Every structure is written in C-alpha cells, then in structure tokens.
N, C-alpha and C. Protein backbone atom coordinates (compact mmCIF):
# COMPACT_ATOMS: atom_id res chain seq x y z
N UNK A 1 -42.90 -29.38 14.14
CA UNK A 1 -42.86 -28.00 13.71
C UNK A 1 -42.03 -27.85 12.42
N UNK A 2 -40.90 -28.55 12.40
CA UNK A 2 -40.05 -28.48 11.22
C UNK A 2 -40.80 -29.02 10.00
N UNK A 3 -41.51 -30.14 10.22
CA UNK A 3 -42.25 -30.74 9.11
C UNK A 3 -43.32 -29.78 8.59
N UNK A 4 -44.03 -29.10 9.49
CA UNK A 4 -45.06 -28.15 9.07
C UNK A 4 -44.46 -26.99 8.29
N UNK A 5 -43.27 -26.52 8.71
CA UNK A 5 -42.59 -25.46 7.97
C UNK A 5 -42.21 -25.93 6.57
N UNK A 6 -41.73 -27.17 6.49
CA UNK A 6 -41.40 -27.72 5.17
C UNK A 6 -42.65 -27.85 4.31
N UNK A 7 -43.76 -28.27 4.92
CA UNK A 7 -45.01 -28.37 4.17
C UNK A 7 -45.43 -27.00 3.65
N UNK A 8 -45.32 -26.00 4.50
CA UNK A 8 -45.69 -24.65 4.08
C UNK A 8 -44.83 -24.20 2.90
N UNK A 9 -43.53 -24.43 3.00
CA UNK A 9 -42.63 -24.07 1.90
C UNK A 9 -42.98 -24.85 0.64
N UNK A 10 -43.32 -26.12 0.81
CA UNK A 10 -43.69 -26.94 -0.34
C UNK A 10 -44.93 -26.38 -1.02
N UNK A 11 -45.93 -25.99 -0.21
CA UNK A 11 -47.17 -25.47 -0.80
C UNK A 11 -46.95 -24.14 -1.50
N UNK A 12 -46.12 -23.30 -0.90
CA UNK A 12 -45.86 -22.00 -1.49
C UNK A 12 -45.11 -22.16 -2.81
N UNK A 13 -44.16 -23.07 -2.81
CA UNK A 13 -43.33 -23.25 -4.00
C UNK A 13 -43.83 -24.34 -4.93
N UNK A 14 -44.96 -25.01 -4.58
CA UNK A 14 -45.40 -26.15 -5.34
C UNK A 14 -45.78 -25.77 -6.77
N UNK A 15 -45.20 -26.51 -7.66
CA UNK A 15 -45.54 -26.37 -9.06
C UNK A 15 -46.26 -27.65 -9.45
N UNK A 16 -46.80 -27.67 -10.61
CA UNK A 16 -47.46 -28.87 -11.09
C UNK A 16 -46.42 -29.79 -11.70
N UNK A 17 -45.54 -30.31 -10.84
CA UNK A 17 -44.50 -31.22 -11.31
C UNK A 17 -44.61 -32.53 -10.54
N UNK A 18 -43.98 -33.54 -11.04
CA UNK A 18 -43.90 -34.82 -10.36
C UNK A 18 -42.47 -35.30 -10.50
N UNK A 19 -41.64 -34.86 -9.56
CA UNK A 19 -40.22 -35.16 -9.64
C UNK A 19 -39.86 -36.48 -9.00
N UNK A 20 -38.59 -36.77 -9.06
CA UNK A 20 -38.07 -38.03 -8.53
C UNK A 20 -38.32 -38.15 -7.03
N UNK A 21 -38.24 -37.06 -6.30
CA UNK A 21 -38.42 -37.09 -4.85
C UNK A 21 -39.85 -37.43 -4.44
N UNK A 22 -40.80 -37.24 -5.34
CA UNK A 22 -42.21 -37.53 -5.03
C UNK A 22 -42.61 -38.95 -5.39
N UNK A 23 -41.77 -39.66 -6.14
CA UNK A 23 -42.13 -41.00 -6.59
C UNK A 23 -41.73 -42.04 -5.55
N UNK A 24 -42.57 -43.01 -5.38
CA UNK A 24 -42.34 -44.09 -4.44
C UNK A 24 -41.51 -45.16 -5.13
N UNK A 25 -40.25 -45.29 -4.73
CA UNK A 25 -39.34 -46.23 -5.37
C UNK A 25 -38.77 -47.27 -4.41
N UNK A 26 -38.80 -47.00 -3.12
CA UNK A 26 -38.19 -47.87 -2.13
C UNK A 26 -38.95 -49.19 -2.02
N UNK A 27 -38.24 -50.29 -2.23
CA UNK A 27 -38.85 -51.61 -2.14
C UNK A 27 -39.40 -51.88 -0.74
N UNK A 28 -38.66 -51.43 0.28
CA UNK A 28 -39.11 -51.63 1.66
C UNK A 28 -40.41 -50.87 1.94
N UNK A 29 -40.48 -49.62 1.47
CA UNK A 29 -41.70 -48.83 1.68
C UNK A 29 -42.89 -49.44 0.94
N UNK A 30 -42.64 -49.93 -0.27
CA UNK A 30 -43.72 -50.54 -1.06
C UNK A 30 -44.23 -51.80 -0.38
N UNK A 31 -43.32 -52.64 0.10
CA UNK A 31 -43.74 -53.86 0.81
C UNK A 31 -44.52 -53.50 2.07
N UNK A 32 -44.02 -52.52 2.80
CA UNK A 32 -44.70 -52.07 4.02
C UNK A 32 -46.09 -51.53 3.69
N UNK A 33 -46.20 -50.80 2.60
CA UNK A 33 -47.48 -50.24 2.16
C UNK A 33 -48.49 -51.35 1.86
N UNK A 34 -48.07 -52.38 1.12
CA UNK A 34 -48.99 -53.45 0.77
C UNK A 34 -49.35 -54.32 1.97
N UNK A 35 -48.45 -54.42 2.95
CA UNK A 35 -48.75 -55.22 4.14
C UNK A 35 -49.70 -54.51 5.09
N UNK A 36 -49.46 -53.21 5.33
CA UNK A 36 -50.19 -52.52 6.38
C UNK A 36 -51.07 -51.37 5.90
N UNK A 37 -51.04 -51.07 4.61
CA UNK A 37 -51.80 -49.92 4.10
C UNK A 37 -53.30 -50.16 4.07
N UNK A 38 -54.03 -49.07 4.08
CA UNK A 38 -55.49 -49.12 3.97
C UNK A 38 -55.85 -48.84 2.52
N UNK A 39 -56.99 -49.36 2.10
CA UNK A 39 -57.39 -49.28 0.68
C UNK A 39 -58.68 -48.50 0.51
N UNK A 40 -58.71 -47.76 -0.59
CA UNK A 40 -59.93 -47.09 -1.02
C UNK A 40 -60.14 -47.52 -2.47
N UNK A 41 -61.28 -48.15 -2.72
CA UNK A 41 -61.57 -48.62 -4.07
C UNK A 41 -62.72 -47.81 -4.65
N UNK A 42 -62.47 -47.28 -5.82
CA UNK A 42 -63.49 -46.55 -6.56
C UNK A 42 -63.20 -46.84 -8.03
N UNK A 43 -63.96 -47.74 -8.61
CA UNK A 43 -63.67 -48.25 -9.95
C UNK A 43 -63.45 -47.12 -10.94
N UNK A 44 -62.39 -47.17 -11.72
CA UNK A 44 -61.36 -48.19 -11.93
C UNK A 44 -60.07 -47.94 -11.15
N UNK A 45 -60.09 -47.12 -10.11
CA UNK A 45 -58.87 -46.86 -9.34
C UNK A 45 -58.95 -47.47 -7.95
N UNK A 46 -57.79 -47.85 -7.46
CA UNK A 46 -57.67 -48.30 -6.09
C UNK A 46 -56.50 -47.53 -5.49
N UNK A 47 -56.73 -46.94 -4.32
CA UNK A 47 -55.69 -46.19 -3.64
C UNK A 47 -55.31 -46.95 -2.37
N UNK A 48 -54.03 -47.24 -2.24
CA UNK A 48 -53.52 -47.83 -1.01
C UNK A 48 -52.68 -46.75 -0.35
N UNK A 49 -52.94 -46.47 0.91
CA UNK A 49 -52.23 -45.38 1.58
C UNK A 49 -51.78 -45.81 2.97
N UNK A 50 -50.73 -45.15 3.43
CA UNK A 50 -50.19 -45.43 4.76
C UNK A 50 -49.50 -44.18 5.28
N UNK A 51 -49.88 -43.73 6.48
CA UNK A 51 -49.16 -42.59 7.06
C UNK A 51 -47.82 -43.08 7.61
N UNK A 52 -46.74 -42.60 7.04
CA UNK A 52 -45.41 -43.04 7.46
C UNK A 52 -44.41 -41.95 7.11
N UNK A 53 -43.43 -41.78 7.97
CA UNK A 53 -42.42 -40.77 7.66
C UNK A 53 -41.48 -41.31 6.58
N UNK A 54 -41.08 -40.42 5.70
CA UNK A 54 -40.17 -40.80 4.62
C UNK A 54 -39.16 -39.68 4.43
N UNK A 55 -38.20 -39.92 3.54
CA UNK A 55 -37.07 -39.01 3.40
C UNK A 55 -37.33 -37.83 2.47
N UNK A 56 -38.52 -37.71 1.92
CA UNK A 56 -38.82 -36.66 0.96
C UNK A 56 -39.33 -35.41 1.66
N UNK A 57 -39.11 -34.25 1.03
CA UNK A 57 -39.66 -33.01 1.58
C UNK A 57 -41.13 -32.85 1.20
N UNK A 58 -41.60 -33.67 0.28
CA UNK A 58 -42.99 -33.61 -0.16
C UNK A 58 -43.87 -34.40 0.81
N UNK A 59 -45.11 -33.98 0.99
CA UNK A 59 -45.98 -34.67 1.96
C UNK A 59 -46.41 -36.06 1.50
N UNK A 60 -46.33 -36.34 0.20
CA UNK A 60 -46.79 -37.63 -0.32
C UNK A 60 -45.75 -38.18 -1.28
N UNK A 61 -45.46 -39.48 -1.11
CA UNK A 61 -44.69 -40.21 -2.11
C UNK A 61 -45.69 -41.16 -2.76
N UNK A 62 -45.68 -41.22 -4.08
CA UNK A 62 -46.72 -41.95 -4.78
C UNK A 62 -46.13 -42.88 -5.84
N UNK A 63 -46.77 -44.03 -5.98
CA UNK A 63 -46.41 -44.98 -7.04
C UNK A 63 -47.65 -45.29 -7.86
N UNK A 64 -47.42 -45.77 -9.08
CA UNK A 64 -48.53 -46.06 -9.99
C UNK A 64 -48.36 -47.48 -10.53
N UNK A 65 -49.47 -48.20 -10.64
CA UNK A 65 -49.37 -49.58 -11.09
C UNK A 65 -50.57 -49.94 -11.97
N UNK A 66 -50.28 -50.68 -13.03
CA UNK A 66 -51.30 -51.28 -13.87
C UNK A 66 -50.91 -52.74 -14.00
N UNK A 67 -51.63 -53.64 -13.33
CA UNK A 67 -51.23 -55.05 -13.32
C UNK A 67 -51.24 -55.69 -14.71
N UNK A 68 -50.25 -56.52 -14.94
CA UNK A 68 -50.13 -57.25 -16.20
C UNK A 68 -51.32 -58.19 -16.39
N UNK A 69 -51.85 -58.68 -15.28
CA UNK A 69 -52.99 -59.59 -15.32
C UNK A 69 -54.23 -58.88 -15.87
N UNK A 70 -54.32 -57.56 -15.67
CA UNK A 70 -55.49 -56.79 -16.09
C UNK A 70 -55.32 -56.28 -17.51
N UNK A 71 -54.18 -55.66 -17.81
CA UNK A 71 -53.92 -55.11 -19.14
C UNK A 71 -52.70 -55.84 -19.70
N UNK A 72 -52.91 -56.61 -20.75
CA UNK A 72 -51.88 -57.51 -21.24
C UNK A 72 -50.71 -56.81 -21.93
N UNK A 73 -50.98 -55.85 -22.78
CA UNK A 73 -49.92 -55.25 -23.58
C UNK A 73 -49.18 -54.15 -22.81
N UNK A 74 -47.87 -54.22 -22.83
CA UNK A 74 -47.04 -53.24 -22.11
C UNK A 74 -47.27 -51.83 -22.62
N UNK A 75 -47.51 -51.70 -23.91
CA UNK A 75 -47.76 -50.38 -24.50
C UNK A 75 -48.98 -49.74 -23.85
N UNK A 76 -50.03 -50.53 -23.68
CA UNK A 76 -51.26 -50.01 -23.07
C UNK A 76 -51.07 -49.74 -21.58
N UNK A 77 -50.34 -50.63 -20.87
CA UNK A 77 -50.07 -50.40 -19.45
C UNK A 77 -49.29 -49.10 -19.25
N UNK A 78 -48.28 -48.89 -20.09
CA UNK A 78 -47.47 -47.68 -19.96
C UNK A 78 -48.27 -46.42 -20.26
N UNK A 79 -49.17 -46.50 -21.23
CA UNK A 79 -50.02 -45.34 -21.55
C UNK A 79 -50.94 -45.01 -20.39
N UNK A 80 -51.52 -46.03 -19.79
CA UNK A 80 -52.42 -45.81 -18.65
C UNK A 80 -51.64 -45.22 -17.48
N UNK A 81 -50.43 -45.72 -17.24
CA UNK A 81 -49.60 -45.17 -16.15
C UNK A 81 -49.24 -43.71 -16.42
N UNK A 82 -48.95 -43.38 -17.67
CA UNK A 82 -48.67 -41.98 -18.01
C UNK A 82 -49.88 -41.10 -17.72
N UNK A 83 -51.06 -41.60 -18.08
CA UNK A 83 -52.29 -40.84 -17.82
C UNK A 83 -52.50 -40.66 -16.31
N UNK A 84 -52.26 -41.74 -15.55
CA UNK A 84 -52.44 -41.66 -14.10
C UNK A 84 -51.46 -40.66 -13.48
N UNK A 85 -50.22 -40.67 -13.94
CA UNK A 85 -49.23 -39.71 -13.43
C UNK A 85 -49.65 -38.28 -13.74
N UNK A 86 -50.17 -38.07 -14.95
CA UNK A 86 -50.60 -36.74 -15.35
C UNK A 86 -51.80 -36.28 -14.51
N UNK A 87 -52.75 -37.17 -14.28
CA UNK A 87 -53.91 -36.83 -13.45
C UNK A 87 -53.45 -36.48 -12.04
N UNK A 88 -52.54 -37.27 -11.49
CA UNK A 88 -52.03 -36.97 -10.14
C UNK A 88 -51.27 -35.64 -10.13
N UNK A 89 -50.42 -35.44 -11.11
CA UNK A 89 -49.58 -34.24 -11.17
C UNK A 89 -50.43 -32.97 -11.19
N UNK A 90 -51.51 -32.99 -11.94
CA UNK A 90 -52.33 -31.78 -12.08
C UNK A 90 -53.33 -31.61 -10.93
N UNK A 91 -53.58 -32.66 -10.15
CA UNK A 91 -54.58 -32.58 -9.09
C UNK A 91 -54.05 -32.90 -7.70
N UNK A 92 -52.74 -33.00 -7.54
CA UNK A 92 -52.18 -33.39 -6.24
C UNK A 92 -52.44 -32.34 -5.16
N UNK A 93 -52.70 -31.13 -5.55
CA UNK A 93 -52.98 -30.07 -4.57
C UNK A 93 -54.22 -30.40 -3.75
N UNK A 94 -55.14 -31.20 -4.29
CA UNK A 94 -56.34 -31.58 -3.55
C UNK A 94 -55.99 -32.31 -2.26
N UNK A 95 -54.91 -33.08 -2.30
CA UNK A 95 -54.48 -33.84 -1.13
C UNK A 95 -53.41 -33.09 -0.36
N UNK A 96 -52.41 -32.60 -1.06
CA UNK A 96 -51.23 -32.03 -0.41
C UNK A 96 -51.56 -30.86 0.50
N UNK A 97 -52.52 -30.07 0.14
CA UNK A 97 -52.86 -28.89 0.93
C UNK A 97 -53.62 -29.22 2.20
N UNK A 98 -54.20 -30.43 2.28
CA UNK A 98 -55.09 -30.74 3.39
C UNK A 98 -54.54 -31.74 4.39
N UNK A 99 -53.41 -32.37 4.08
CA UNK A 99 -52.88 -33.35 5.03
C UNK A 99 -51.78 -32.70 5.88
N UNK A 100 -51.62 -33.24 7.09
CA UNK A 100 -50.66 -32.66 8.02
C UNK A 100 -49.49 -33.58 8.31
N UNK A 101 -49.55 -34.82 7.87
CA UNK A 101 -48.45 -35.76 8.10
C UNK A 101 -48.07 -36.44 6.79
N UNK A 102 -46.87 -36.99 6.72
CA UNK A 102 -46.43 -37.61 5.46
C UNK A 102 -47.13 -38.95 5.21
N UNK A 103 -47.42 -39.21 3.93
CA UNK A 103 -48.07 -40.44 3.51
C UNK A 103 -47.31 -41.05 2.35
N UNK A 104 -47.54 -42.35 2.16
CA UNK A 104 -47.13 -43.00 0.92
C UNK A 104 -48.39 -43.57 0.27
N UNK A 105 -48.45 -43.45 -1.05
CA UNK A 105 -49.62 -43.87 -1.83
C UNK A 105 -49.20 -44.85 -2.91
N UNK A 106 -50.12 -45.72 -3.28
CA UNK A 106 -50.00 -46.49 -4.51
C UNK A 106 -51.35 -46.41 -5.20
N UNK A 107 -51.35 -45.94 -6.43
CA UNK A 107 -52.57 -45.89 -7.24
C UNK A 107 -52.53 -47.06 -8.21
N UNK A 108 -53.56 -47.88 -8.17
CA UNK A 108 -53.63 -49.07 -9.02
C UNK A 108 -54.85 -48.96 -9.92
N UNK A 109 -54.62 -49.21 -11.21
CA UNK A 109 -55.72 -49.19 -12.20
C UNK A 109 -56.27 -50.60 -12.31
N UNK A 110 -57.59 -50.77 -12.25
CA UNK A 110 -58.18 -52.11 -12.16
C UNK A 110 -59.11 -52.49 -13.31
N UNK A 111 -59.24 -51.66 -14.32
CA UNK A 111 -60.15 -51.96 -15.43
C UNK A 111 -59.38 -52.55 -16.60
N UNK A 112 -60.05 -53.36 -17.41
CA UNK A 112 -59.42 -53.94 -18.59
C UNK A 112 -59.38 -52.96 -19.77
N UNK A 113 -60.30 -52.03 -19.78
CA UNK A 113 -60.40 -51.06 -20.88
C UNK A 113 -59.49 -49.86 -20.62
N UNK A 114 -58.98 -49.25 -21.69
CA UNK A 114 -58.19 -48.04 -21.54
C UNK A 114 -59.13 -46.87 -21.25
N UNK A 115 -58.82 -46.07 -20.23
CA UNK A 115 -59.75 -45.01 -19.83
C UNK A 115 -59.60 -43.75 -20.67
N UNK A 116 -60.62 -42.93 -20.63
CA UNK A 116 -60.51 -41.57 -21.17
C UNK A 116 -59.92 -40.71 -20.05
N UNK A 117 -59.14 -39.72 -20.43
CA UNK A 117 -58.47 -38.87 -19.44
C UNK A 117 -59.48 -38.21 -18.50
N UNK A 118 -60.54 -37.69 -19.04
CA UNK A 118 -61.54 -36.98 -18.23
C UNK A 118 -62.18 -37.91 -17.19
N UNK A 119 -62.46 -39.14 -17.61
CA UNK A 119 -63.05 -40.11 -16.67
C UNK A 119 -62.07 -40.45 -15.55
N UNK A 120 -60.81 -40.64 -15.92
CA UNK A 120 -59.79 -40.97 -14.94
C UNK A 120 -59.60 -39.82 -13.95
N UNK A 121 -59.61 -38.60 -14.46
CA UNK A 121 -59.46 -37.42 -13.61
C UNK A 121 -60.64 -37.28 -12.64
N UNK A 122 -61.82 -37.50 -13.13
CA UNK A 122 -63.02 -37.41 -12.28
C UNK A 122 -62.97 -38.46 -11.16
N UNK A 123 -62.58 -39.68 -11.52
CA UNK A 123 -62.47 -40.75 -10.53
C UNK A 123 -61.40 -40.42 -9.50
N UNK A 124 -60.27 -39.88 -9.95
CA UNK A 124 -59.19 -39.52 -9.03
C UNK A 124 -59.66 -38.47 -8.04
N UNK A 125 -60.41 -37.48 -8.49
CA UNK A 125 -60.91 -36.44 -7.60
C UNK A 125 -61.86 -37.04 -6.55
N UNK A 126 -62.67 -38.00 -6.97
CA UNK A 126 -63.58 -38.66 -6.02
C UNK A 126 -62.78 -39.48 -5.00
N UNK A 127 -61.72 -40.13 -5.46
CA UNK A 127 -60.86 -40.90 -4.56
C UNK A 127 -60.21 -39.97 -3.54
N UNK A 128 -59.79 -38.78 -3.99
CA UNK A 128 -59.18 -37.80 -3.09
C UNK A 128 -60.15 -37.38 -2.00
N UNK A 129 -61.38 -37.11 -2.40
CA UNK A 129 -62.40 -36.70 -1.42
C UNK A 129 -62.65 -37.83 -0.43
N UNK A 130 -62.75 -39.04 -0.93
CA UNK A 130 -62.98 -40.19 -0.08
C UNK A 130 -61.81 -40.41 0.89
N UNK A 131 -60.59 -40.24 0.38
CA UNK A 131 -59.39 -40.38 1.21
C UNK A 131 -59.39 -39.35 2.33
N UNK A 132 -59.64 -38.10 1.99
CA UNK A 132 -59.62 -37.03 3.00
C UNK A 132 -60.69 -37.24 4.06
N UNK A 133 -61.88 -37.68 3.65
CA UNK A 133 -62.94 -37.92 4.63
C UNK A 133 -62.58 -39.13 5.51
N UNK A 134 -61.93 -40.13 4.93
CA UNK A 134 -61.55 -41.31 5.69
C UNK A 134 -60.48 -41.00 6.74
N UNK A 135 -59.47 -40.21 6.37
CA UNK A 135 -58.44 -39.89 7.36
C UNK A 135 -58.97 -38.92 8.42
N UNK A 136 -59.94 -38.11 8.03
CA UNK A 136 -60.55 -37.20 9.00
C UNK A 136 -61.37 -37.98 10.03
N UNK A 137 -62.11 -38.99 9.57
CA UNK A 137 -62.91 -39.78 10.51
C UNK A 137 -62.04 -40.71 11.35
N UNK A 138 -60.88 -41.13 10.81
CA UNK A 138 -59.96 -41.96 11.59
C UNK A 138 -59.15 -41.13 12.57
N UNK A 139 -59.19 -39.81 12.40
CA UNK A 139 -58.47 -38.92 13.29
C UNK A 139 -56.97 -38.91 13.05
N UNK A 140 -56.56 -39.27 11.84
CA UNK A 140 -55.13 -39.32 11.52
C UNK A 140 -54.61 -37.96 11.13
N UNK A 141 -55.47 -37.09 10.72
CA UNK A 141 -55.00 -35.81 10.21
C UNK A 141 -55.07 -34.73 11.26
C-alpha cells in the first residue's frame, strides 16, 4: 500500500527529468540484473529488466550502455548514451504509469551506426509496448 501511494505521488509530481535517484548505479543490482534479468531485443536496442525492490521512490531504476566492442570511439558512445537518456526521459511515462512493482532496467545499444533521434525514439516506444505486454502475459504486473 505504501509503495502504491508513493507511485501515485510520483506520477502526480512526475516531471520529465532523469535524476540521480532514477539511475542504476549499484554494482550489486547491475550484476543481479545481468544474471537473472529477462531480455527484450528490438534492433538496435536491447532491454534487460528485472522486478526487484530498490531504495528509490521511482518505480524504475535505469542504466544505459553502449559497448566498446560495438562503437569504438568514446565520443560516439557518449553521444549515443546521451540520446538514449533523452529518449527515456521524455518517454518514461509509457512505462511508469502502467507498472505496479519496482523494476530495474538496462538499455543497451547494439548497432554500429549512430542512430537518428527519431528512429531511436520509435524503437524505444516499441520496446516499451513489448515490455508491457510481456509482463502482462507473465502475470508480474
């Protein structure tokens, strides 16, 4: 009940921000996510998710990754990560409003080419729809 009240307050007060409390930084949580998380792949994004309680008041803690093996230059990796954060920040309501339990996410970019913002946003929205349908069919939500 307390968690649902916090979720309600979060939705009412939610702004299009991506603060420190929403970012996935814990090494233990990240390791746990990669060991036990489920994956949704929709080129060029891969979403790894795991329903787990965490210390944030936000329903989702999220991390972003662009592997060095895929994109060689750090400048390009950082630009892609900035774009991914922006896409998540502006579209997180698609997920946050529909889930009932806390999750941790990792979004991984898997293409060698630098994406256009519109393409990345469209793919993210499709990943969100796929995620919501998957948790609904698994009965986790």
